[in-house]
Amino acid sequence: MDTIEQPRQLLEDPDPIAPLIANLTQSLRDALNTLNQDYQARHEQGMKRLETDGNWQQLEPEQRNQLLARQKLTLADQPKVAVQSTDEVLNTLDHYSLAMFADRVVALPSRFDNVAVSAAELCEPEIQFVSVPRRTLKTEADIDTWAEEVKDQLKNALVNGPVSVK
């Protein structure tokens, strides 16, 4: 405080704070724009994936919208990013902190997975969802062993009805 009060920097002309605010605003603007672009790209990928899903294609538009709305994936749920002015940047950050926005972007693929699962459950109520084991495969033998395990697991599950892999 003494450093600011003694030389009376707050009264200087030009205002030394304005460039700092401009730099910070630009950094925040860049971060929001990057997150928004990532959101758009992942959302588009998810929608393309759904469009190729046989169960999704069988659903009525209202059913599709309901499934998307449950996972907050409709256009109305998309974060509104306005970054033209400092006030718009601050307003956007009031609604979506950078951490919250980043979390939402990262969650998009799993949200689209949930939509696909719900679509499958609507179209085929007796469907089973089988989780395949995840592991690091280092050799061809590892791949063959893993593939045999998965094959056996899926065949055993198929006895009880249709199967979808998670």
C-alpha atoms as a PDB file:
ATOM      1  CA  MET A   1       0.000   0.000   0.000  1.00  0.00           C
ATOM      2  CA  ASP A   2       2.868   2.388   0.808  1.00  0.00           C
ATOM      3  CA  THR A   3       4.284   1.876  -2.692  1.00  0.00           C
ATOM      4  CA  ILE A   4       0.998   2.969  -4.227  1.00  0.00           C
ATOM      5  CA  GLU A   5       0.228   5.793  -1.772  1.00  0.00           C
ATOM      6  CA  GLN A   6       3.645   7.439  -1.516  1.00  0.00           C
ATOM      7  CA  PRO A   7       4.389   8.072  -5.201  1.00  0.00           C
ATOM      8  CA  ARG A   8       0.615   8.531  -5.748  1.00  0.00           C
ATOM      9  CA  GLN A   9       0.588   6.072  -8.644  1.00  0.00           C
ATOM     10  CA  LEU A  10      -3.194   5.876  -8.601  1.00  0.00           C
ATOM     11  CA  LEU A  11      -3.318   9.465  -9.862  1.00  0.00           C
ATOM     12  CA  GLU A  12      -0.776   9.001 -12.672  1.00  0.00           C
ATOM     13  CA  ASP A  13      -1.713   9.718 -16.223  1.00  0.00           C
ATOM     14  CA  PRO A  14      -1.894   7.474 -18.175  1.00  0.00           C
ATOM     15  CA  ASP A  15      -3.452   5.027 -15.735  1.00  0.00           C
ATOM     16  CA  PRO A  16      -0.921   2.213 -15.107  1.00  0.00           C
ATOM     17  CA  ILE A  17      -3.736  -0.238 -14.294  1.00  0.00           C
ATOM     18  CA  ALA A  18      -5.447  -0.092 -17.705  1.00  0.00           C
ATOM     19  CA  PRO A  19      -2.759  -2.107 -19.567  1.00  0.00           C
ATOM     20  CA  LEU A  20      -2.789  -4.731 -16.820  1.00  0.00           C
ATOM     21  CA  ILE A  21      -6.562  -5.070 -17.138  1.00  0.00           C
ATOM     22  CA  ALA A  22      -6.289  -5.288 -20.918  1.00  0.00           C
ATOM     23  CA  ASN A  23      -3.652  -8.049 -20.704  1.00  0.00           C
ATOM     24  CA  LEU A  24      -5.658 -10.021 -18.172  1.00  0.00           C
ATOM     25  CA  THR A  25      -8.831  -9.614 -20.232  1.00  0.00           C
ATOM     26  CA  GLN A  26      -7.040 -10.864 -23.343  1.00  0.00           C
ATOM     27  CA  SER A  27      -5.688 -13.897 -21.479  1.00  0.00           C
ATOM     28  CA  LEU A  28      -9.153 -14.745 -20.183  1.00  0.00           C
ATOM     29  CA  ARG A  29     -10.671 -14.139 -23.631  1.00  0.00           C
ATOM     30  CA  ASP A  30      -8.144 -16.534 -25.202  1.00  0.00           C
ATOM     31  CA  ALA A  31      -8.871 -19.196 -22.576  1.00  0.00           C
ATOM     32  CA  LEU A  32     -12.646 -18.882 -23.051  1.00  0.00           C
ATOM     33  CA  ASN A  33     -12.335 -18.997 -26.840  1.00  0.00           C
ATOM     34  CA  THR A  34     -10.169 -22.118 -26.650  1.00  0.00           C
ATOM     35  CA  LEU A  35     -12.623 -23.848 -24.326  1.00  0.00           C
ATOM     36  CA  ASN A  36     -15.528 -22.826 -26.549  1.00  0.00           C
ATOM     37  CA  GLN A  37     -13.795 -24.237 -29.646  1.00  0.00           C
ATOM     38  CA  ASP A  38     -13.036 -27.483 -27.796  1.00  0.00           C
ATOM     39  CA  TYR A  39     -16.658 -27.691 -26.658  1.00  0.00           C
ATOM     40  CA  GLN A  40     -17.935 -27.147 -30.211  1.00  0.00           C
ATOM     41  CA  ALA A  41     -15.583 -29.770 -31.657  1.00  0.00           C
ATOM     42  CA  ARG A  42     -16.394 -32.420 -29.047  1.00  0.00           C
ATOM     43  CA  HIS A  43     -20.112 -31.732 -29.287  1.00  0.00           C
ATOM     44  CA  GLU A  44     -19.965 -32.102 -33.060  1.00  0.00           C
ATOM     45  CA  GLN A  45     -18.025 -35.377 -32.726  1.00  0.00           C
ATOM     46  CA  GLY A  46     -20.598 -36.680 -30.258  1.00  0.00           C
ATOM     47  CA  MET A  47     -23.506 -35.783 -32.521  1.00  0.00           C
ATOM     48  CA  LYS A  48     -21.808 -37.444 -35.503  1.00  0.00           C
ATOM     49  CA  ARG A  49     -21.306 -40.558 -33.422  1.00  0.00           C
ATOM     50  CA  LEU A  50     -24.977 -40.599 -32.440  1.00  0.00           C
ATOM     51  CA  GLU A  51     -26.079 -40.119 -36.050  1.00  0.00           C
ATOM     52  CA  THR A  52     -24.299 -43.368 -36.987  1.00  0.00           C
ATOM     53  CA  ASP A  53     -25.843 -45.261 -34.056  1.00  0.00           C
ATOM     54  CA  GLY A  54     -28.642 -47.594 -35.177  1.00  0.00           C
ATOM     55  CA  ASN A  55     -30.629 -47.124 -31.981  1.00  0.00           C
ATOM     56  CA  TRP A  56     -30.403 -43.335 -32.221  1.00  0.00           C
ATOM     57  CA  GLN A  57     -31.725 -43.464 -35.780  1.00  0.00           C
ATOM     58  CA  GLN A  58     -34.817 -45.376 -34.605  1.00  0.00           C
ATOM     59  CA  LEU A  59     -35.820 -42.703 -32.105  1.00  0.00           C
ATOM     60  CA  GLU A  60     -38.360 -39.959 -32.753  1.00  0.00           C
ATOM     61  CA  PRO A  61     -37.039 -36.365 -32.672  1.00  0.00           C
ATOM     62  CA  GLU A  62     -38.792 -35.738 -29.342  1.00  0.00           C
ATOM     63  CA  GLN A  63     -37.099 -38.767 -27.781  1.00  0.00           C
ATOM     64  CA  ARG A  64     -33.726 -37.651 -29.098  1.00  0.00           C
ATOM     65  CA  ASN A  65     -34.200 -34.170 -27.665  1.00  0.00           C
ATOM     66  CA  GLN A  66     -35.230 -35.578 -24.275  1.00  0.00           C
ATOM     67  CA  LEU A  67     -32.127 -37.764 -24.109  1.00  0.00           C
ATOM     68  CA  LEU A  68     -29.884 -34.846 -25.084  1.00  0.00           C
ATOM     69  CA  ALA A  69     -31.629 -32.544 -22.591  1.00  0.00           C
ATOM     70  CA  ARG A  70     -31.067 -35.019 -19.729  1.00  0.00           C
ATOM     71  CA  GLN A  71     -27.342 -34.816 -20.370  1.00  0.00           C
ATOM     72  CA  LYS A  72     -27.363 -31.024 -20.979  1.00  0.00           C
ATOM     73  CA  LEU A  73     -26.335 -31.462 -24.633  1.00  0.00           C
ATOM     74  CA  THR A  74     -28.977 -29.395 -26.437  1.00  0.00           C
ATOM     75  CA  LEU A  75     -28.183 -26.118 -28.157  1.00  0.00           C
ATOM     76  CA  ALA A  76     -29.977 -24.301 -25.329  1.00  0.00           C
ATOM     77  CA  ASP A  77     -27.594 -25.919 -22.819  1.00  0.00           C
ATOM     78  CA  GLN A  78     -24.488 -24.872 -24.708  1.00  0.00           C
ATOM     79  CA  PRO A  79     -22.408 -22.326 -22.796  1.00  0.00           C
ATOM     80  CA  LYS A  80     -22.928 -18.777 -24.075  1.00  0.00           C
ATOM     81  CA  VAL A  81     -19.496 -17.266 -24.559  1.00  0.00           C
ATOM     82  CA  ALA A  82     -19.330 -13.514 -25.176  1.00  0.00           C
ATOM     83  CA  VAL A  83     -15.848 -11.988 -25.082  1.00  0.00           C
ATOM     84  CA  GLN A  84     -15.974  -8.731 -27.037  1.00  0.00           C
ATOM     85  CA  SER A  85     -15.470  -6.443 -24.047  1.00  0.00           C
ATOM     86  CA  THR A  86     -14.075  -6.771 -20.548  1.00  0.00           C
ATOM     87  CA  ASP A  87     -17.619  -6.663 -19.160  1.00  0.00           C
ATOM     88  CA  GLU A  88     -18.698  -9.510 -21.461  1.00  0.00           C
ATOM     89  CA  VAL A  89     -15.671 -11.578 -20.448  1.00  0.00           C
ATOM     90  CA  LEU A  90     -16.487 -11.013 -16.773  1.00  0.00           C
ATOM     91  CA  ASN A  91     -20.162 -11.816 -17.334  1.00  0.00           C
ATOM     92  CA  THR A  92     -19.249 -15.052 -19.127  1.00  0.00           C
ATOM     93  CA  LEU A  93     -16.918 -15.994 -16.273  1.00  0.00           C
ATOM     94  CA  ASP A  94     -19.697 -15.267 -13.770  1.00  0.00           C
ATOM     95  CA  HIS A  95     -21.771 -17.966 -15.497  1.00  0.00           C
ATOM     96  CA  TYR A  96     -18.953 -20.400 -16.380  1.00  0.00           C
ATOM     97  CA  SER A  97     -15.708 -20.372 -14.466  1.00  0.00           C
ATOM     98  CA  LEU A  98     -12.725 -21.608 -16.454  1.00  0.00           C
ATOM     99  CA  ALA A  99     -12.484 -24.745 -14.312  1.00  0.00           C
ATOM    100  CA  MET A 100     -16.203 -25.504 -14.636  1.00  0.00           C
ATOM    101  CA  PHE A 101     -16.112 -24.914 -18.388  1.00  0.00           C
ATOM    102  CA  ALA A 102     -13.049 -27.157 -18.766  1.00  0.00           C
ATOM    103  CA  ASP A 103     -14.764 -29.898 -16.747  1.00  0.00           C
ATOM    104  CA  ARG A 104     -17.812 -29.636 -18.951  1.00  0.00           C
ATOM    105  CA  VAL A 105     -15.719 -29.964 -22.113  1.00  0.00           C
ATOM    106  CA  VAL A 106     -13.925 -33.033 -20.743  1.00  0.00           C
ATOM    107  CA  ALA A 107     -17.267 -34.607 -19.755  1.00  0.00           C
ATOM    108  CA  LEU A 108     -18.832 -34.341 -23.215  1.00  0.00           C
ATOM    109  CA  PRO A 109     -17.730 -37.772 -24.530  1.00  0.00           C
ATOM    110  CA  SER A 110     -19.094 -39.582 -21.476  1.00  0.00           C
ATOM    111  CA  ARG A 111     -22.337 -37.605 -21.688  1.00  0.00           C
ATOM    112  CA  PHE A 112     -22.733 -38.720 -25.294  1.00  0.00           C
ATOM    113  CA  ASP A 113     -21.976 -42.283 -24.139  1.00  0.00           C
ATOM    114  CA  ASN A 114     -24.853 -41.942 -21.665  1.00  0.00           C
ATOM    115  CA  VAL A 115     -27.163 -40.756 -24.438  1.00  0.00           C
ATOM    116  CA  ALA A 116     -26.194 -43.751 -26.603  1.00  0.00           C
ATOM    117  CA  VAL A 117     -26.835 -46.126 -23.691  1.00  0.00           C
ATOM    118  CA  SER A 118     -30.244 -44.555 -23.037  1.00  0.00           C
ATOM    119  CA  ALA A 119     -31.127 -44.820 -26.737  1.00  0.00           C
ATOM    120  CA  ALA A 120     -30.162 -48.500 -26.704  1.00  0.00           C
ATOM    121  CA  GLU A 121     -32.272 -49.096 -23.598  1.00  0.00           C
ATOM    122  CA  LEU A 122     -35.286 -47.460 -25.255  1.00  0.00           C
ATOM    123  CA  CYS A 123     -34.934 -49.466 -28.465  1.00  0.00           C
ATOM    124  CA  GLU A 124     -33.957 -52.775 -26.885  1.00  0.00           C
ATOM    125  CA  PRO A 125     -35.098 -52.951 -23.250  1.00  0.00           C
ATOM    126  CA  GLU A 126     -33.452 -56.368 -22.711  1.00  0.00           C
ATOM    127  CA  ILE A 127     -30.007 -55.168 -23.825  1.00  0.00           C
ATOM    128  CA  GLN A 128     -27.041 -55.845 -21.553  1.00  0.00           C
ATOM    129  CA  PHE A 129     -24.094 -53.524 -21.248  1.00  0.00           C
ATOM    130  CA  VAL A 130     -20.804 -55.329 -20.907  1.00  0.00           C
ATOM    131  CA  SER A 131     -17.662 -53.531 -19.784  1.00  0.00           C
ATOM    132  CA  VAL A 132     -14.560 -54.882 -21.405  1.00  0.00           C
ATOM    133  CA  PRO A 133     -11.376 -54.970 -19.340  1.00  0.00           C
ATOM    134  CA  ARG A 134      -8.930 -52.132 -19.884  1.00  0.00           C
ATOM    135  CA  ARG A 135      -5.260 -52.736 -19.713  1.00  0.00           C
ATOM    136  CA  THR A 136      -1.979 -51.839 -21.301  1.00  0.00           C
ATOM    137  CA  LEU A 137      -1.102 -54.166 -24.146  1.00  0.00           C
ATOM    138  CA  LYS A 138       2.613 -54.396 -24.919  1.00  0.00           C
ATOM    139  CA  THR A 139       2.936 -57.398 -27.218  1.00  0.00           C
ATOM    140  CA  GLU A 140       0.921 -59.225 -29.834  1.00  0.00           C
ATOM    141  CA  ALA A 141       0.471 -62.035 -27.315  1.00  0.00           C
ATOM    142  CA  ASP A 142      -1.074 -59.517 -24.885  1.00  0.00           C
ATOM    143  CA  ILE A 143      -3.479 -58.429 -27.607  1.00  0.00           C
ATOM    144  CA  ASP A 144      -4.412 -62.028 -28.444  1.00  0.00           C
ATOM    145  CA  THR A 145      -4.969 -62.887 -24.775  1.00  0.00           C
ATOM    146  CA  TRP A 146      -7.083 -59.783 -24.209  1.00  0.00           C
ATOM    147  CA  ALA A 147      -9.118 -60.397 -27.377  1.00  0.00           C
ATOM    148  CA  GLU A 148      -9.848 -63.987 -26.304  1.00  0.00           C
ATOM    149  CA  GLU A 149     -10.952 -62.841 -22.843  1.00  0.00           C
ATOM    150  CA  VAL A 150     -13.265 -60.226 -24.339  1.00  0.00           C
ATOM    151  CA  LYS A 151     -14.591 -62.692 -26.895  1.00  0.00           C
ATOM    152  CA  ASP A 152     -15.421 -65.214 -24.156  1.00  0.00           C
ATOM    153  CA  GLN A 153     -16.981 -62.529 -21.975  1.00  0.00           C
ATOM    154  CA  LEU A 154     -19.216 -61.315 -24.815  1.00  0.00           C
ATOM    155  CA  LYS A 155     -20.243 -64.834 -25.848  1.00  0.00           C
ATOM    156  CA  ASN A 156     -21.216 -65.669 -22.260  1.00  0.00           C
ATOM    157  CA  ALA A 157     -23.281 -62.481 -21.993  1.00  0.00           C
ATOM    158  CA  LEU A 158     -24.931 -63.052 -25.381  1.00  0.00           C
ATOM    159  CA  VAL A 159     -26.630 -66.150 -23.995  1.00  0.00           C
ATOM    160  CA  ASN A 160     -28.818 -63.837 -21.893  1.00  0.00           C
ATOM    161  CA  GLY A 161     -29.773 -61.466 -24.745  1.00  0.00           C
ATOM    162  CA  PRO A 162     -28.423 -58.627 -26.894  1.00  0.00           C
ATOM    163  CA  VAL A 163     -25.109 -57.109 -25.843  1.00  0.00           C
ATOM    164  CA  SER A 164     -23.639 -53.643 -26.104  1.00  0.00           C
ATOM    165  CA  VAL A 165     -19.999 -53.006 -25.247  1.00  0.00           C
ATOM    166  CA  LYS A 166     -19.030 -50.227 -22.852  1.00  0.00           C
END
